[in-house]
């Protein structure tokens, strides 16, 4: 009986649909982990990647005007990093853009890259600047976002809390509640909005 001399995962790529079973995913991750010892300069192709075709489940959030639905989503196994596109190749290219952004930031911060085949750590964005406006943040969540509770980081923006095509509705609400125009803050970054509101409270009216 003839034996295969390779331990590489077999039959885990069917018509371009990558890693269709959990067994294939585990095999692929193990294979990429083994190959990773050949170099320490890892790129996206050194990591185990899965590409899936999205199904329309009727969720209204994905039919909102400012969201572009993608037919395919690519992601690194055991990592919260994705890319979407109308073809598997386009999805992988978007994933590559995200990967390069994260890779550059980690290297600049002196952090080692996660070895291919290993689980990526879950990272939470900093709350340093949000915590400088703790009371205002709580008030904003209740009165502007109309939520009982929300986790806000220094990276959070108005865009994270609605599906409208722009921030006009929340801009009007901020003006009504705080008397401050923040419509020129294109990013919608909450820390910038908090800074402006706080500054208005310490600046005498002219």
C-alpha atoms as a PDB file:
ATOM      1  CA  UNK A   1       0.000   0.000   0.000  1.00  0.00           C
ATOM      2  CA  UNK A   2       1.397   3.339  -1.038  1.00  0.00           C
ATOM      3  CA  UNK A   3       1.726   5.992   1.646  1.00  0.00           C
ATOM      4  CA  UNK A   4       1.837   9.704   1.135  1.00  0.00           C
ATOM      5  CA  UNK A   5       5.097  11.293   2.217  1.00  0.00           C
ATOM      6  CA  UNK A   6       3.430  14.620   3.004  1.00  0.00           C
ATOM      7  CA  UNK A   7       1.529  15.672   6.107  1.00  0.00           C
ATOM      8  CA  UNK A   8      -0.004  18.611   4.262  1.00  0.00           C
ATOM      9  CA  UNK A   9      -3.809  18.855   4.654  1.00  0.00           C
ATOM     10  CA  UNK A  10      -5.609  17.091   1.828  1.00  0.00           C
ATOM     11  CA  UNK A  11      -8.940  17.950   0.189  1.00  0.00           C
ATOM     12  CA  UNK A  12      -9.421  21.159   2.168  1.00  0.00           C
ATOM     13  CA  UNK A  13      -9.890  23.409  -0.835  1.00  0.00           C
ATOM     14  CA  UNK A  14     -12.998  22.566  -2.820  1.00  0.00           C
ATOM     15  CA  UNK A  15     -13.656  24.724  -5.904  1.00  0.00           C
ATOM     16  CA  UNK A  16     -12.066  27.732  -4.257  1.00  0.00           C
ATOM     17  CA  UNK A  17     -14.143  27.403  -1.084  1.00  0.00           C
ATOM     18  CA  UNK A  18     -11.489  27.237   1.565  1.00  0.00           C
ATOM     19  CA  UNK A  19     -11.606  25.078   4.676  1.00  0.00           C
ATOM     20  CA  UNK A  20     -15.148  23.803   4.519  1.00  0.00           C
ATOM     21  CA  UNK A  21     -14.958  21.763   7.728  1.00  0.00           C
ATOM     22  CA  UNK A  22     -13.579  22.296  11.220  1.00  0.00           C
ATOM     23  CA  UNK A  23     -11.204  19.384  10.643  1.00  0.00           C
ATOM     24  CA  UNK A  24      -9.772  21.093   7.584  1.00  0.00           C
ATOM     25  CA  UNK A  25      -9.376  24.318   9.508  1.00  0.00           C
ATOM     26  CA  UNK A  26      -7.439  22.607  12.285  1.00  0.00           C
ATOM     27  CA  UNK A  27      -5.238  20.821   9.746  1.00  0.00           C
ATOM     28  CA  UNK A  28      -4.593  24.017   7.837  1.00  0.00           C
ATOM     29  CA  UNK A  29      -3.672  25.922  11.010  1.00  0.00           C
ATOM     30  CA  UNK A  30      -1.285  23.150  12.054  1.00  0.00           C
ATOM     31  CA  UNK A  31       0.297  23.085   8.608  1.00  0.00           C
ATOM     32  CA  UNK A  32       0.844  26.855   8.579  1.00  0.00           C
ATOM     33  CA  UNK A  33       2.317  26.651  12.082  1.00  0.00           C
ATOM     34  CA  UNK A  34       4.856  24.081  10.929  1.00  0.00           C
ATOM     35  CA  UNK A  35       5.785  26.109   7.840  1.00  0.00           C
ATOM     36  CA  UNK A  36       6.200  29.266   9.941  1.00  0.00           C
ATOM     37  CA  UNK A  37       9.518  27.997  11.318  1.00  0.00           C
ATOM     38  CA  UNK A  38      11.115  28.457   7.905  1.00  0.00           C
ATOM     39  CA  UNK A  39      11.116  32.248   8.355  1.00  0.00           C
ATOM     40  CA  UNK A  40      10.201  34.922  10.896  1.00  0.00           C
ATOM     41  CA  UNK A  41       9.195  37.533   8.308  1.00  0.00           C
ATOM     42  CA  UNK A  42       5.570  36.462   7.978  1.00  0.00           C
ATOM     43  CA  UNK A  43       3.145  37.877   5.442  1.00  0.00           C
ATOM     44  CA  UNK A  44      -0.550  37.212   4.983  1.00  0.00           C
ATOM     45  CA  UNK A  45       0.006  34.078   2.893  1.00  0.00           C
ATOM     46  CA  UNK A  46       1.893  32.523   5.792  1.00  0.00           C
ATOM     47  CA  UNK A  47      -1.316  32.487   7.859  1.00  0.00           C
ATOM     48  CA  UNK A  48      -4.266  30.079   7.632  1.00  0.00           C
ATOM     49  CA  UNK A  49      -7.059  31.850   5.769  1.00  0.00           C
ATOM     50  CA  UNK A  50     -10.728  30.939   5.407  1.00  0.00           C
ATOM     51  CA  UNK A  51     -13.042  32.455   2.800  1.00  0.00           C
ATOM     52  CA  UNK A  52     -16.786  32.090   3.086  1.00  0.00           C
ATOM     53  CA  UNK A  53     -19.721  33.124   0.943  1.00  0.00           C
ATOM     54  CA  UNK A  54     -22.154  35.346   2.794  1.00  0.00           C
ATOM     55  CA  UNK A  55     -25.811  34.421   2.897  1.00  0.00           C
ATOM     56  CA  UNK A  56     -28.571  37.048   2.939  1.00  0.00           C
ATOM     57  CA  UNK A  57     -30.320  36.437   6.260  1.00  0.00           C
ATOM     58  CA  UNK A  58     -32.601  39.441   5.989  1.00  0.00           C
ATOM     59  CA  UNK A  59     -30.913  41.318   8.843  1.00  0.00           C
ATOM     60  CA  UNK A  60     -31.926  44.982   8.301  1.00  0.00           C
ATOM     61  CA  UNK A  61     -28.532  46.280   9.479  1.00  0.00           C
ATOM     62  CA  UNK A  62     -26.925  44.814   6.361  1.00  0.00           C
ATOM     63  CA  UNK A  63     -29.438  46.519   4.064  1.00  0.00           C
ATOM     64  CA  UNK A  64     -28.858  49.983   5.546  1.00  0.00           C
ATOM     65  CA  UNK A  65     -27.861  52.578   2.876  1.00  0.00           C
ATOM     66  CA  UNK A  66     -24.303  53.182   4.072  1.00  0.00           C
ATOM     67  CA  UNK A  67     -23.369  49.499   4.358  1.00  0.00           C
ATOM     68  CA  UNK A  68     -22.076  47.721   1.283  1.00  0.00           C
ATOM     69  CA  UNK A  69     -22.908  44.016   1.425  1.00  0.00           C
ATOM     70  CA  UNK A  70     -20.117  41.663   0.364  1.00  0.00           C
ATOM     71  CA  UNK A  71     -20.585  38.297  -1.278  1.00  0.00           C
ATOM     72  CA  UNK A  72     -17.412  36.907   0.257  1.00  0.00           C
ATOM     73  CA  UNK A  73     -15.559  37.433   3.530  1.00  0.00           C
ATOM     74  CA  UNK A  74     -11.963  36.344   4.140  1.00  0.00           C
ATOM     75  CA  UNK A  75     -10.419  36.035   7.574  1.00  0.00           C
ATOM     76  CA  UNK A  76      -7.370  34.655   9.322  1.00  0.00           C
ATOM     77  CA  UNK A  77      -8.331  31.664  11.433  1.00  0.00           C
ATOM     78  CA  UNK A  78      -8.370  32.456  15.177  1.00  0.00           C
ATOM     79  CA  UNK A  79      -8.005  36.186  14.492  1.00  0.00           C
ATOM     80  CA  UNK A  80     -10.561  39.003  14.482  1.00  0.00           C
ATOM     81  CA  UNK A  81      -9.322  40.295  11.134  1.00  0.00           C
ATOM     82  CA  UNK A  82     -11.514  40.237   8.028  1.00  0.00           C
ATOM     83  CA  UNK A  83     -11.877  41.542   4.488  1.00  0.00           C
ATOM     84  CA  UNK A  84     -14.915  41.599   2.243  1.00  0.00           C
ATOM     85  CA  UNK A  85     -15.434  41.648  -1.516  1.00  0.00           C
ATOM     86  CA  UNK A  86     -17.578  40.485  -4.419  1.00  0.00           C
ATOM     87  CA  UNK A  87     -15.114  37.689  -5.227  1.00  0.00           C
ATOM     88  CA  UNK A  88     -12.882  35.485  -3.068  1.00  0.00           C
ATOM     89  CA  UNK A  89      -9.826  37.288  -4.473  1.00  0.00           C
ATOM     90  CA  UNK A  90     -11.249  40.732  -3.702  1.00  0.00           C
ATOM     91  CA  UNK A  91     -12.074  39.630  -0.153  1.00  0.00           C
ATOM     92  CA  UNK A  92      -8.530  38.367   0.328  1.00  0.00           C
ATOM     93  CA  UNK A  93      -7.087  41.640  -0.988  1.00  0.00           C
ATOM     94  CA  UNK A  94      -9.126  43.584   1.573  1.00  0.00           C
ATOM     95  CA  UNK A  95      -7.943  41.200   4.261  1.00  0.00           C
ATOM     96  CA  UNK A  96      -4.379  41.858   3.145  1.00  0.00           C
ATOM     97  CA  UNK A  97      -4.899  45.611   3.601  1.00  0.00           C
ATOM     98  CA  UNK A  98      -6.159  45.065   7.150  1.00  0.00           C
ATOM     99  CA  UNK A  99      -3.331  42.653   7.899  1.00  0.00           C
ATOM    100  CA  UNK A 100      -0.652  45.085   6.689  1.00  0.00           C
ATOM    101  CA  UNK A 101      -2.140  47.875   8.815  1.00  0.00           C
ATOM    102  CA  UNK A 102      -2.073  45.711  11.950  1.00  0.00           C
ATOM    103  CA  UNK A 103       1.359  44.289  11.101  1.00  0.00           C
ATOM    104  CA  UNK A 104       2.861  47.772  10.686  1.00  0.00           C
ATOM    105  CA  UNK A 105       1.331  49.034  13.935  1.00  0.00           C
ATOM    106  CA  UNK A 106       2.555  46.043  15.916  1.00  0.00           C
ATOM    107  CA  UNK A 107       6.092  46.334  14.548  1.00  0.00           C
ATOM    108  CA  UNK A 108       6.153  50.073  15.258  1.00  0.00           C
ATOM    109  CA  UNK A 109       5.042  49.345  18.836  1.00  0.00           C
ATOM    110  CA  UNK A 110       7.754  46.710  19.202  1.00  0.00           C
ATOM    111  CA  UNK A 111       5.256  43.865  19.466  1.00  0.00           C
ATOM    112  CA  UNK A 112       6.092  40.487  17.939  1.00  0.00           C
ATOM    113  CA  UNK A 113       3.757  39.154  15.269  1.00  0.00           C
ATOM    114  CA  UNK A 114       1.572  36.232  16.240  1.00  0.00           C
ATOM    115  CA  UNK A 115       3.034  33.026  14.842  1.00  0.00           C
ATOM    116  CA  UNK A 116       0.902  31.609  12.004  1.00  0.00           C
ATOM    117  CA  UNK A 117      -1.427  28.889  13.232  1.00  0.00           C
ATOM    118  CA  UNK A 118      -1.701  30.387  16.714  1.00  0.00           C
ATOM    119  CA  UNK A 119      -4.674  32.270  18.183  1.00  0.00           C
ATOM    120  CA  UNK A 120      -4.421  36.042  18.090  1.00  0.00           C
ATOM    121  CA  UNK A 121      -4.893  37.918  21.374  1.00  0.00           C
ATOM    122  CA  UNK A 122      -8.039  39.967  21.838  1.00  0.00           C
ATOM    123  CA  UNK A 123      -7.068  43.638  22.086  1.00  0.00           C
ATOM    124  CA  UNK A 124      -9.300  46.338  23.510  1.00  0.00           C
ATOM    125  CA  UNK A 125      -8.841  49.930  22.419  1.00  0.00           C
ATOM    126  CA  UNK A 126      -7.629  52.415  25.004  1.00  0.00           C
ATOM    127  CA  UNK A 127     -10.103  54.389  27.123  1.00  0.00           C
ATOM    128  CA  UNK A 128      -7.563  56.929  28.385  1.00  0.00           C
ATOM    129  CA  UNK A 129      -9.203  60.011  26.842  1.00  0.00           C
ATOM    130  CA  UNK A 130     -12.760  58.791  27.380  1.00  0.00           C
ATOM    131  CA  UNK A 131     -12.045  58.374  31.080  1.00  0.00           C
ATOM    132  CA  UNK A 132     -11.065  62.044  31.257  1.00  0.00           C
ATOM    133  CA  UNK A 133     -14.743  62.799  30.598  1.00  0.00           C
ATOM    134  CA  UNK A 134     -16.343  59.981  32.553  1.00  0.00           C
ATOM    135  CA  UNK A 135     -19.445  61.877  33.722  1.00  0.00           C
ATOM    136  CA  UNK A 136     -19.995  63.447  30.306  1.00  0.00           C
ATOM    137  CA  UNK A 137     -19.559  60.066  28.654  1.00  0.00           C
ATOM    138  CA  UNK A 138     -22.288  58.534  30.829  1.00  0.00           C
ATOM    139  CA  UNK A 139     -24.620  61.454  30.160  1.00  0.00           C
ATOM    140  CA  UNK A 140     -23.938  61.255  26.409  1.00  0.00           C
ATOM    141  CA  UNK A 141     -24.703  57.538  26.302  1.00  0.00           C
ATOM    142  CA  UNK A 142     -28.068  58.027  28.008  1.00  0.00           C
ATOM    143  CA  UNK A 143     -29.265  61.244  26.385  1.00  0.00           C
ATOM    144  CA  UNK A 144     -27.725  61.257  22.901  1.00  0.00           C
ATOM    145  CA  UNK A 145     -27.259  57.587  22.086  1.00  0.00           C
ATOM    146  CA  UNK A 146     -30.402  56.680  24.052  1.00  0.00           C
ATOM    147  CA  UNK A 147     -28.768  53.610  25.575  1.00  0.00           C
ATOM    148  CA  UNK A 148     -28.689  52.300  29.130  1.00  0.00           C
ATOM    149  CA  UNK A 149     -25.066  51.263  28.734  1.00  0.00           C
ATOM    150  CA  UNK A 150     -22.332  51.233  26.083  1.00  0.00           C
ATOM    151  CA  UNK A 151     -18.616  50.422  26.040  1.00  0.00           C
ATOM    152  CA  UNK A 152     -16.808  53.418  24.568  1.00  0.00           C
ATOM    153  CA  UNK A 153     -13.125  53.591  23.703  1.00  0.00           C
ATOM    154  CA  UNK A 154     -10.883  56.349  22.376  1.00  0.00           C
ATOM    155  CA  UNK A 155     -11.591  54.976  18.893  1.00  0.00           C
ATOM    156  CA  UNK A 156     -15.390  55.003  19.186  1.00  0.00           C
ATOM    157  CA  UNK A 157     -17.403  57.309  16.946  1.00  0.00           C
ATOM    158  CA  UNK A 158     -21.005  58.266  16.233  1.00  0.00           C
ATOM    159  CA  UNK A 159     -20.856  55.916  13.244  1.00  0.00           C
ATOM    160  CA  UNK A 160     -20.715  52.957  15.633  1.00  0.00           C
ATOM    161  CA  UNK A 161     -24.178  53.638  17.022  1.00  0.00           C
ATOM    162  CA  UNK A 162     -26.504  53.920  14.028  1.00  0.00           C
ATOM    163  CA  UNK A 163     -27.044  52.763  10.454  1.00  0.00           C
ATOM    164  CA  UNK A 164     -28.025  56.121   8.910  1.00  0.00           C
ATOM    165  CA  UNK A 165     -26.229  57.372   5.832  1.00  0.00           C
ATOM    166  CA  UNK A 166     -24.754  60.283   7.842  1.00  0.00           C
ATOM    167  CA  UNK A 167     -24.582  61.692  11.385  1.00  0.00           C
ATOM    168  CA  UNK A 168     -27.127  64.477  10.868  1.00  0.00           C
ATOM    169  CA  UNK A 169     -29.687  63.084  13.312  1.00  0.00           C
ATOM    170  CA  UNK A 170     -27.162  62.769  16.157  1.00  0.00           C
ATOM    171  CA  UNK A 171     -25.595  66.150  15.330  1.00  0.00           C
ATOM    172  CA  UNK A 172     -29.029  67.747  15.821  1.00  0.00           C
ATOM    173  CA  UNK A 173     -29.518  65.887  19.079  1.00  0.00           C
ATOM    174  CA  UNK A 174     -26.127  67.042  20.411  1.00  0.00           C
ATOM    175  CA  UNK A 175     -26.994  70.629  19.478  1.00  0.00           C
ATOM    176  CA  UNK A 176     -30.363  70.332  21.217  1.00  0.00           C
ATOM    177  CA  UNK A 177     -28.937  68.830  24.432  1.00  0.00           C
ATOM    178  CA  UNK A 178     -25.565  70.566  24.746  1.00  0.00           C
ATOM    179  CA  UNK A 179     -25.956  73.601  22.488  1.00  0.00           C
ATOM    180  CA  UNK A 180     -22.790  72.666  20.597  1.00  0.00           C
ATOM    181  CA  UNK A 181     -22.337  72.244  16.839  1.00  0.00           C
ATOM    182  CA  UNK A 182     -20.119  69.227  16.091  1.00  0.00           C
ATOM    183  CA  UNK A 183     -21.138  68.733  12.451  1.00  0.00           C
ATOM    184  CA  UNK A 184     -17.627  69.675  11.268  1.00  0.00           C
ATOM    185  CA  UNK A 185     -16.075  66.694  13.104  1.00  0.00           C
ATOM    186  CA  UNK A 186     -16.169  64.407  10.080  1.00  0.00           C
ATOM    187  CA  UNK A 187     -14.748  61.405  11.930  1.00  0.00           C
ATOM    188  CA  UNK A 188     -17.572  61.523  14.471  1.00  0.00           C
ATOM    189  CA  UNK A 189     -14.947  60.553  17.066  1.00  0.00           C
ATOM    190  CA  UNK A 190     -16.563  60.738  20.487  1.00  0.00           C
ATOM    191  CA  UNK A 191     -13.432  61.904  22.267  1.00  0.00           C
ATOM    192  CA  UNK A 192     -13.271  64.947  19.963  1.00  0.00           C
ATOM    193  CA  UNK A 193     -16.939  65.658  20.619  1.00  0.00           C
ATOM    194  CA  UNK A 194     -16.446  65.317  24.379  1.00  0.00           C
ATOM    195  CA  UNK A 195     -13.485  67.709  24.240  1.00  0.00           C
ATOM    196  CA  UNK A 196     -15.565  70.328  22.443  1.00  0.00           C
ATOM    197  CA  UNK A 197     -18.477  70.024  24.846  1.00  0.00           C
ATOM    198  CA  UNK A 198     -16.171  70.160  27.869  1.00  0.00           C
ATOM    199  CA  UNK A 199     -14.314  73.171  26.434  1.00  0.00           C
ATOM    200  CA  UNK A 200     -17.584  75.022  25.912  1.00  0.00           C
ATOM    201  CA  UNK A 201     -18.417  74.570  29.577  1.00  0.00           C
ATOM    202  CA  UNK A 202     -15.149  76.170  30.714  1.00  0.00           C
ATOM    203  CA  UNK A 203     -15.115  79.004  28.171  1.00  0.00           C
ATOM    204  CA  UNK A 204     -17.056  82.153  29.135  1.00  0.00           C
ATOM    205  CA  UNK A 205     -19.737  83.149  26.631  1.00  0.00           C
ATOM    206  CA  UNK A 206     -18.716  86.171  24.585  1.00  0.00           C
END
